[in-house]
Each structure stands twice: as structure tokens, then as C-alpha cells.
């Protein structure tokens, strides 16, 4: 009886997890950044470390490391949740300016985005 209960509870948990995962799927980085601005996070570095884009462009970060990273704009403009391997985060830059971005978990990881 106890095993049957645990099996049902486990089945319910997996079903809920599957429904949530399917409802919250994120398309690949290229689909998110239609204008092609993708920053790879690999070997604890942003690549490229400096980028110039036009106002209205979307930047997508994709974590290729097996360690979690987060994307944080200095000044608090945006902050991602921790990104696991192959997770992405996108942000649309509408205003011209120079934006400094760091990894919230590894602050020595830095990049600069210039929006014209």
C-alpha cells in the first residue's frame, strides 16, 4: 500500500514537472535573437567581450559551460536567473548607451555592449 502511494505521488510529481517543462520551453538562442546577436558563455568568459549593436536589437546569452552563470547589467537594468548549461537569456536594448555586463556568480567575467 505504501509503495503504491509513493508510486502515485512520484508519478504525479513527474507529470507536473513534465507539464511545466513543456509549457516553459525556451527556443534556441538563434530564434530568440532574430537579429543574430548571440554571446557565448564558455570557459568562464563572454565571447565576444565587447559588442556594438543598434538600438532595438536583442542580445541573447547562451551558457555553454557546465557551471551556472547569470547575466547582470551594472546599475540594475536587468538580471537573469542562473543559467545552466545550454540555457539562454535575452534582453532587448532600446536606448543608446554603453552597458557593462557581469556574471552575477563570477563577477570577474565582464563584457561591454555599446548600443548606437
Protein backbone atom coordinates (compact mmCIF):
# COMPACT_ATOMS: atom_id res chain seq x y z
CA UNK A 1 0.00 0.00 0.00
CA UNK A 2 2.79 2.43 0.91
CA UNK A 3 4.68 1.59 -2.30
CA UNK A 4 1.53 2.17 -4.35
CA UNK A 5 1.05 5.58 -2.69
CA UNK A 6 4.66 6.56 -3.33
CA UNK A 7 4.37 5.44 -6.94
CA UNK A 8 1.29 7.59 -7.43
CA UNK A 9 2.93 10.56 -5.73
CA UNK A 10 6.07 10.10 -7.79
CA UNK A 11 4.04 9.79 -10.98
CA UNK A 12 2.13 12.97 -10.13
CA UNK A 13 5.36 14.84 -9.46
CA UNK A 14 6.84 13.72 -12.79
CA UNK A 15 3.63 14.62 -14.61
CA UNK A 16 3.58 18.10 -13.08
CA UNK A 17 7.27 18.58 -13.86
CA UNK A 18 6.74 17.50 -17.48
CA UNK A 19 3.77 19.83 -17.96
CA UNK A 20 5.70 22.75 -16.51
CA UNK A 21 8.74 21.98 -18.63
CA UNK A 22 6.72 21.75 -21.83
CA UNK A 23 4.87 24.96 -21.08
CA UNK A 24 8.07 26.84 -20.32
CA UNK A 25 10.34 25.63 -23.13
CA UNK A 26 12.78 28.22 -24.41
CA UNK A 27 13.58 28.29 -28.13
CA UNK A 28 17.22 28.12 -29.23
CA UNK A 29 19.33 31.26 -28.85
CA UNK A 30 19.23 31.99 -32.58
CA UNK A 31 15.45 32.04 -32.51
CA UNK A 32 15.40 34.45 -29.56
CA UNK A 33 17.86 36.91 -31.07
CA UNK A 34 16.31 37.33 -34.53
CA UNK A 35 18.94 39.92 -35.40
CA UNK A 36 21.75 37.43 -34.69
CA UNK A 37 23.38 38.97 -31.62
CA UNK A 38 24.46 35.97 -29.54
CA UNK A 39 27.06 35.98 -26.76
CA UNK A 40 28.53 32.61 -25.87
CA UNK A 41 29.47 31.93 -22.26
CA UNK A 42 32.34 29.47 -22.40
CA UNK A 43 35.37 28.77 -20.21
CA UNK A 44 34.20 31.48 -17.78
CA UNK A 45 34.29 34.20 -20.47
CA UNK A 46 31.77 36.16 -22.52
CA UNK A 47 32.53 35.84 -26.24
CA UNK A 48 32.69 38.44 -27.65
CA UNK A 49 33.75 40.55 -24.67
CA UNK A 50 32.80 43.76 -26.48
CA UNK A 51 29.93 44.25 -28.92
CA UNK A 52 28.32 47.15 -30.77
CA UNK A 53 24.65 46.84 -31.75
CA UNK A 54 21.85 49.12 -32.93
CA UNK A 55 19.13 50.36 -30.59
CA UNK A 56 16.17 47.99 -30.70
CA UNK A 57 18.39 44.93 -31.07
CA UNK A 58 18.08 41.87 -28.88
CA UNK A 59 21.14 40.27 -27.33
CA UNK A 60 20.99 36.60 -26.33
CA UNK A 61 23.47 34.96 -23.97
CA UNK A 62 23.90 31.18 -24.16
CA UNK A 63 25.72 29.30 -21.42
CA UNK A 64 27.99 26.64 -22.93
CA UNK A 65 29.80 25.93 -19.64
CA UNK A 66 28.81 23.09 -17.35
CA UNK A 67 28.84 25.63 -14.50
CA UNK A 68 25.89 28.01 -13.87
CA UNK A 69 26.23 31.70 -14.78
CA UNK A 70 23.91 34.71 -14.54
CA UNK A 71 23.75 37.87 -16.61
CA UNK A 72 23.70 41.14 -14.66
CA UNK A 73 23.78 44.68 -16.04
CA UNK A 74 25.69 47.06 -13.79
CA UNK A 75 23.23 49.63 -12.48
CA UNK A 76 20.43 47.07 -12.17
CA UNK A 77 18.87 47.38 -15.64
CA UNK A 78 18.42 43.61 -15.89
CA UNK A 79 19.39 40.39 -14.14
CA UNK A 80 18.88 36.82 -15.30
CA UNK A 81 18.21 33.79 -13.17
CA UNK A 82 21.15 31.38 -13.03
CA UNK A 83 21.65 29.77 -16.44
CA UNK A 84 22.56 26.10 -16.53
CA UNK A 85 24.40 24.58 -19.48
CA UNK A 86 22.67 25.42 -22.80
CA UNK A 87 20.21 27.83 -21.13
CA UNK A 88 19.71 31.24 -22.71
CA UNK A 89 18.74 34.74 -21.59
CA UNK A 90 17.72 37.58 -23.91
CA UNK A 91 17.38 41.32 -23.45
CA UNK A 92 16.27 44.00 -25.93
CA UNK A 93 18.39 47.17 -25.83
CA UNK A 94 16.12 50.08 -26.79
CA UNK A 95 18.25 53.03 -25.65
CA UNK A 96 21.69 54.03 -26.95
CA UNK A 97 24.49 53.88 -24.41
CA UNK A 98 27.32 51.80 -23.05
CA UNK A 99 26.23 48.86 -20.92
CA UNK A 100 28.58 46.92 -18.69
CA UNK A 101 27.56 43.34 -18.01
CA UNK A 102 28.99 40.86 -15.50
CA UNK A 103 28.25 37.34 -14.39
CA UNK A 104 26.42 37.61 -11.07
CA UNK A 105 28.04 34.39 -9.87
CA UNK A 106 31.56 35.14 -11.17
CA UNK A 107 31.95 38.97 -11.18
CA UNK A 108 35.38 38.81 -12.85
CA UNK A 109 33.54 37.81 -16.04
CA UNK A 110 32.82 41.11 -17.81
CA UNK A 111 31.67 42.43 -21.15
CA UNK A 112 30.73 45.77 -22.68
CA UNK A 113 27.79 46.35 -25.01
CA UNK A 114 27.64 49.61 -26.94
CA UNK A 115 24.20 50.48 -28.29
CA UNK A 116 24.10 53.10 -31.05
